[in-house]
Protein backbone atom coordinates (compact mmCIF):
# COMPACT_ATOMS: atom_id res chain seq x y z
CA MET A 1 118.78 94.05 108.64
CA GLU A 2 119.39 97.29 110.46
CA ASN A 3 122.32 97.08 112.89
CA ARG A 4 121.40 100.00 115.14
CA GLN A 5 119.71 99.22 118.45
CA TYR A 6 116.91 101.51 119.68
CA ASP A 7 115.54 102.05 123.16
CA ILE A 8 111.99 101.94 121.84
CA SER A 9 110.19 101.26 118.58
CA PHE A 10 106.69 102.55 117.85
CA ILE A 11 104.35 100.44 115.73
CA ILE A 12 101.65 102.57 114.08
CA LEU A 13 98.97 101.62 111.55
CA THR A 14 97.54 104.19 109.19
CA TRP A 15 94.41 103.95 107.09
CA ASN A 16 93.18 107.26 105.72
CA SER A 17 94.87 108.90 108.71
CA GLU A 18 95.96 112.16 107.06
CA LYS A 19 94.05 114.16 109.69
CA TYR A 20 95.96 112.64 112.63
CA ILE A 21 99.32 111.17 111.69
CA GLU A 22 101.38 114.37 111.59
CA LYS A 23 100.63 115.31 115.20
CA CYS A 24 101.25 111.74 116.30
CA LEU A 25 104.70 111.52 114.71
CA GLN A 26 105.67 115.01 115.80
CA SER A 27 104.85 114.08 119.40
CA ILE A 28 107.15 111.05 119.22
CA ASP A 29 109.88 113.24 117.78
CA THR A 30 109.87 115.32 120.99
CA ILE A 31 111.32 112.33 122.88
CA LYS A 32 115.00 113.07 123.38
CA ALA A 33 115.98 110.89 126.35
CA LEU A 34 115.45 107.65 124.40
CA SER A 35 116.51 106.59 120.91
CA THR A 36 113.36 105.98 118.91
CA LYS A 37 112.36 104.16 115.75
CA ILE A 38 108.92 104.46 114.17
CA TYR A 39 107.41 101.82 111.89
CA VAL A 40 104.30 103.09 110.12
CA ILE A 41 102.38 100.43 108.22
CA ASP A 42 99.88 101.97 105.82
CA ASN A 43 96.83 99.82 105.07
CA GLY A 44 96.15 101.08 101.56
CA SER A 45 95.13 104.66 102.39
CA GLN A 46 93.18 106.47 99.66
CA ASP A 47 93.57 109.99 101.07
CA GLY A 48 96.74 112.04 101.49
CA THR A 49 98.25 109.87 104.25
CA LEU A 50 101.22 108.62 102.23
CA SER A 51 102.09 112.08 100.99
CA ALA A 52 101.90 113.37 104.55
CA LEU A 53 104.18 110.57 105.75
CA GLU A 54 106.80 111.36 103.13
CA ARG A 55 106.69 115.03 104.04
CA ILE A 56 106.92 114.36 107.78
CA LYS A 57 109.77 111.89 107.32
CA GLY A 58 112.04 114.70 106.19
CA GLN A 59 111.06 116.88 109.14
CA LEU A 60 111.77 114.49 112.01
CA ILE A 61 114.82 115.38 114.08
CA HIS A 62 115.16 112.72 116.78
CA ALA A 63 113.09 109.76 115.56
CA SER A 64 113.88 107.44 112.65
CA LEU A 65 110.87 106.61 110.46
CA GLU A 66 110.31 103.59 108.22
CA ILE A 67 107.15 103.46 106.09
CA ILE A 68 105.72 100.11 105.02
CA ARG A 69 103.16 100.52 102.23
CA LEU A 70 100.39 97.98 101.62
CA SER A 71 98.14 98.10 98.57
CA ILE A 72 95.03 96.97 100.49
CA ASN A 73 93.73 97.06 104.06
CA ARG A 74 95.17 93.96 105.74
CA GLY A 75 93.53 94.66 109.09
CA THR A 76 95.23 95.19 112.43
CA THR A 77 97.07 91.92 113.03
CA VAL A 78 98.85 91.10 109.77
CA SER A 79 99.88 94.74 109.37
CA ARG A 80 101.08 95.31 112.93
CA ASN A 81 103.00 92.04 112.84
CA MET A 82 105.09 93.42 109.99
CA GLY A 83 106.31 96.14 112.31
CA LEU A 84 106.60 93.90 115.36
CA LYS A 85 108.91 91.51 113.52
CA LYS A 86 111.29 94.33 112.70
CA ALA A 87 111.10 95.96 116.12
CA CYS A 88 111.87 92.73 117.96
CA GLU A 89 115.29 92.60 116.33
CA ASN A 90 116.50 96.10 117.15
CA SER A 91 114.64 97.48 120.19
CA ARG A 92 114.40 96.99 123.93
CA TYR A 93 110.85 98.31 124.22
CA ILE A 94 107.94 98.29 121.80
CA CYS A 95 105.02 100.70 121.86
CA VAL A 96 101.97 99.76 119.80
CA LEU A 97 100.29 103.07 119.11
CA ASP A 98 97.23 104.32 117.22
CA SER A 99 97.69 107.03 114.61
CA ASP A 100 95.22 109.31 116.42
CA THR A 101 97.29 109.55 119.61
CA ILE A 102 99.61 112.27 120.89
CA VAL A 103 102.30 111.09 123.28
CA ASN A 104 104.74 112.96 125.49
CA GLU A 105 108.23 112.15 126.71
CA ALA A 106 107.26 112.04 130.40
CA ALA A 107 104.54 109.44 129.80
CA ILE A 108 106.75 107.23 127.66
CA MET A 109 109.58 107.42 130.19
CA GLN A 110 107.24 106.59 133.06
CA VAL A 111 105.66 103.49 131.53
CA ALA A 112 109.07 102.24 130.36
CA GLY A 113 110.36 102.75 133.90
CA ILE A 114 107.47 100.75 135.37
CA LEU A 115 108.18 97.91 132.96
CA ALA A 116 111.88 97.94 133.79
CA SER A 117 111.19 97.79 137.53
CA ASP A 118 108.66 94.95 137.51
CA PRO A 119 109.32 91.83 135.39
CA THR A 120 105.84 90.45 136.19
CA ILE A 121 104.26 93.09 133.93
CA GLY A 122 103.93 92.04 130.31
CA ILE A 123 101.92 94.92 128.86
CA ILE A 124 101.21 98.34 130.35
CA GLY A 125 99.23 101.29 129.11
CA PRO A 126 98.65 104.87 130.26
CA VAL A 127 95.41 106.75 130.78
CA LEU A 128 93.90 107.72 127.42
CA LYS A 129 92.32 111.17 127.38
CA GLY A 130 90.16 112.57 124.60
CA LEU A 131 90.69 115.96 123.04
CA ASP A 132 88.11 117.24 125.55
CA ALA A 133 90.17 115.75 128.44
CA SER A 134 87.59 113.02 129.05
CA ILE A 135 89.06 109.75 130.31
CA GLN A 136 88.42 106.71 128.12
CA ASN A 137 87.81 103.27 129.57
CA SER A 138 90.97 101.78 128.07
CA GLY A 139 91.70 99.18 130.77
CA ARG A 140 88.79 96.77 130.85
CA ALA A 141 87.44 93.46 132.09
CA ILE A 142 87.67 90.47 129.75
CA PRO A 143 84.54 90.53 127.56
CA THR A 144 82.02 87.73 127.82
CA LEU A 145 79.02 86.92 125.64
CA SER A 146 76.55 88.29 128.23
CA LEU A 147 78.51 91.55 128.53
CA LYS A 148 78.53 92.08 124.77
CA VAL A 149 74.83 91.26 124.40
CA LEU A 150 73.88 93.70 127.15
CA LYS A 151 75.85 96.50 125.50
CA VAL A 152 73.87 96.30 122.24
CA LEU A 153 70.36 95.86 123.65
CA PRO A 154 67.88 98.69 122.93
CA LEU A 155 67.10 99.37 126.61
CA LYS A 156 69.38 102.01 128.13
CA ASN A 157 69.50 100.46 131.60
CA LEU A 158 70.62 97.12 130.15
CA ARG A 159 73.32 98.82 128.05
CA GLU A 160 74.50 100.59 131.19
CA ARG A 161 74.67 97.26 133.03
CA GLY A 162 76.83 95.89 130.24
CA ALA A 163 79.14 98.92 130.36
CA ALA A 164 79.42 98.57 134.15
CA LYS A 165 80.47 94.92 133.81
CA GLU A 166 83.56 95.88 131.82
CA GLN A 167 84.69 98.54 134.30
CA ILE A 168 87.62 97.82 136.63
CA PRO A 169 88.24 100.19 139.59
CA LYS A 170 91.61 101.92 139.10
CA ILE A 171 92.59 102.34 142.75
CA GLN A 172 96.29 101.55 142.73
CA ASP A 173 98.88 103.52 140.77
CA VAL A 174 99.42 100.38 138.66
CA THR A 175 96.26 98.27 138.42
CA ASN A 176 95.72 94.84 136.90
CA VAL A 177 93.18 94.86 134.08
CA GLY A 178 91.85 92.12 131.83
CA TYR A 179 92.98 93.86 128.71
CA LEU A 180 94.10 97.22 127.39
CA MET A 181 92.84 98.92 124.26
CA SER A 182 95.73 98.71 121.81
CA ALA A 183 95.71 102.47 121.21
CA CYS A 184 98.82 102.50 123.43
CA TRP A 185 100.62 99.40 124.65
CA MET A 186 104.13 99.36 126.03
CA MET A 187 105.98 96.07 126.36
CA GLN A 188 109.49 94.71 126.25
CA ALA A 189 110.51 93.22 122.91
CA SER A 190 111.35 90.03 124.79
CA LEU A 191 107.62 89.53 125.52
CA VAL A 192 106.83 89.25 121.80
CA LYS A 193 109.63 86.73 121.41
CA LYS A 194 108.15 84.66 124.27
CA ILE A 195 104.42 84.74 123.50
CA GLY A 196 104.45 85.36 119.76
CA LEU A 197 102.95 87.87 117.34
CA LEU A 198 99.34 89.01 117.09
CA ASP A 199 96.84 86.32 116.10
CA GLU A 200 96.27 86.70 112.36
CA ASN A 201 93.04 84.70 112.55
CA ILE A 202 91.58 88.01 113.76
CA PHE A 203 91.30 90.68 111.07
CA TYR A 204 90.34 93.80 113.00
CA ALA A 205 89.22 93.11 116.58
CA PRO A 206 89.39 91.95 119.34
CA GLU A 207 93.09 91.41 118.68
CA ASP A 208 93.86 93.50 121.77
CA VAL A 209 91.82 91.21 124.04
CA GLU A 210 93.39 88.07 122.59
CA TYR A 211 96.96 89.28 122.98
CA CYS A 212 96.43 90.45 126.55
CA MET A 213 94.80 87.12 127.43
CA ARG A 214 97.79 85.34 125.94
CA ALA A 215 100.10 87.44 128.10
CA TRP A 216 98.06 86.49 131.17
CA LYS A 217 98.15 82.82 130.14
CA HIS A 218 101.96 82.97 130.02
CA GLY A 219 102.10 84.36 133.56
CA TYR A 220 102.43 88.08 132.81
CA ARG A 221 100.27 90.88 134.19
CA VAL A 222 98.45 93.40 132.03
CA CYS A 223 98.41 96.76 133.80
CA TYR A 224 96.98 100.27 133.67
CA ALA A 225 99.11 103.18 134.90
CA LYS A 226 96.62 105.67 136.31
CA ASN A 227 99.12 108.49 136.89
CA VAL A 228 100.38 108.56 133.31
CA SER A 229 98.36 109.93 130.39
CA ILE A 230 98.45 110.60 126.66
CA ILE A 231 95.90 112.04 124.22
CA HIS A 232 93.74 109.76 122.09
CA ALA A 233 91.36 111.36 119.57
CA TRP A 234 89.62 107.97 119.18
CA GLN A 235 88.16 107.62 115.69
CA ARG A 236 86.02 104.60 116.75
CA LEU A 237 85.68 103.27 113.21
CA SER A 238 83.42 100.38 114.24
CA ARG A 239 80.73 102.82 115.47
CA LYS A 240 80.44 104.93 112.35
CA LYS A 241 78.17 102.41 110.59
CA VAL A 242 76.01 99.73 112.20
CA PHE A 243 76.36 97.37 109.22
CA SER A 244 79.98 97.54 108.17
CA LYS A 245 82.98 95.34 107.50
CA HIS A 246 84.53 96.58 110.76
CA ASN A 247 81.52 95.49 112.82
CA TRP A 248 81.21 92.16 111.05
CA GLU A 249 84.89 91.40 111.61
CA HIS A 250 84.53 92.43 115.25
CA ILE A 251 81.68 89.96 115.78
CA ARG A 252 83.60 87.22 113.98
CA GLY A 253 86.69 87.97 116.06
CA LEU A 254 84.73 87.83 119.30
CA LEU A 255 83.28 84.43 118.47
CA TYR A 256 86.78 83.19 117.64
CA LEU A 257 88.06 84.58 120.97
CA PHE A 258 85.25 83.03 123.03
CA HIS A 259 85.86 79.66 121.42
CA ARG A 260 89.65 79.73 121.73
CA TYR A 261 89.73 80.77 125.38
CA HIS A 262 86.45 79.17 126.52
CA CYS A 263 85.29 82.50 127.90
CA TYR A 264 81.71 82.72 126.65
CA PHE A 265 80.45 83.25 130.21
CA ASN A 266 83.45 83.78 132.50
CA LYS A 267 87.00 85.06 132.29
CA PRO A 268 89.76 82.42 132.64
CA ASP A 269 91.08 81.82 136.17
CA TYR A 270 94.60 82.92 135.22
CA VAL A 271 93.43 86.51 134.62
CA HIS A 272 93.72 88.16 138.05
CA TYR A 273 91.55 91.19 138.71
CA LYS A 274 88.32 91.87 140.54
CA ASN A 275 85.21 93.08 138.78
């Protein structure tokens, strides 16, 4: 076990991420005010991702990088948990991050500062902006069966009603949301020790919804910091093919979530936001 203690560890999954991972890791390496560790778990990439990781590893100046190689795609929960287990033992903060993000020191410092100042917050995330500067709806209402059905119906006005149901007004600087997309989560390592690792009954999604609901159930808030932003290229793998393993696993994960938390039609009472 590594003896060094880090201010923050980043947990990043890669799967054929050669196009994105270099910029992501280089952006983390610009952080100088905090000691940083990066755990990259590769889910059996078939492109040049692993070669890129080895090359980048020798170029990093401030961040320490550990690469965990898997022979097959183990999904988002089993793989991320491998990094979370390590990070819990040697870090104060943990940032779960997608490989297609670009962070900056100011944003990381700000969200860590918000966490440090408010022990009621379990998970916090910044604004996610696309490469075109568009703002993504990354802090959302808890999904219900009716919301999900509306979003896939062929009529545009019904799909728009479904999309509206998952919107939460971001009025305050730090706003409660049902859940955050796991493209960028910041949390204290102590939270993982208290509420556990990601639910490995879910292969791909909605592991982000489940973990945020678990945080709420344990009395922690899940929050969106509207004055802090990072870049998220957003590959949106589940939308590339209608009939795909990603989409099937998403549907299966949703049914598991609805059953576990009894939220087919309404969010649980312990999740506190207005929508």
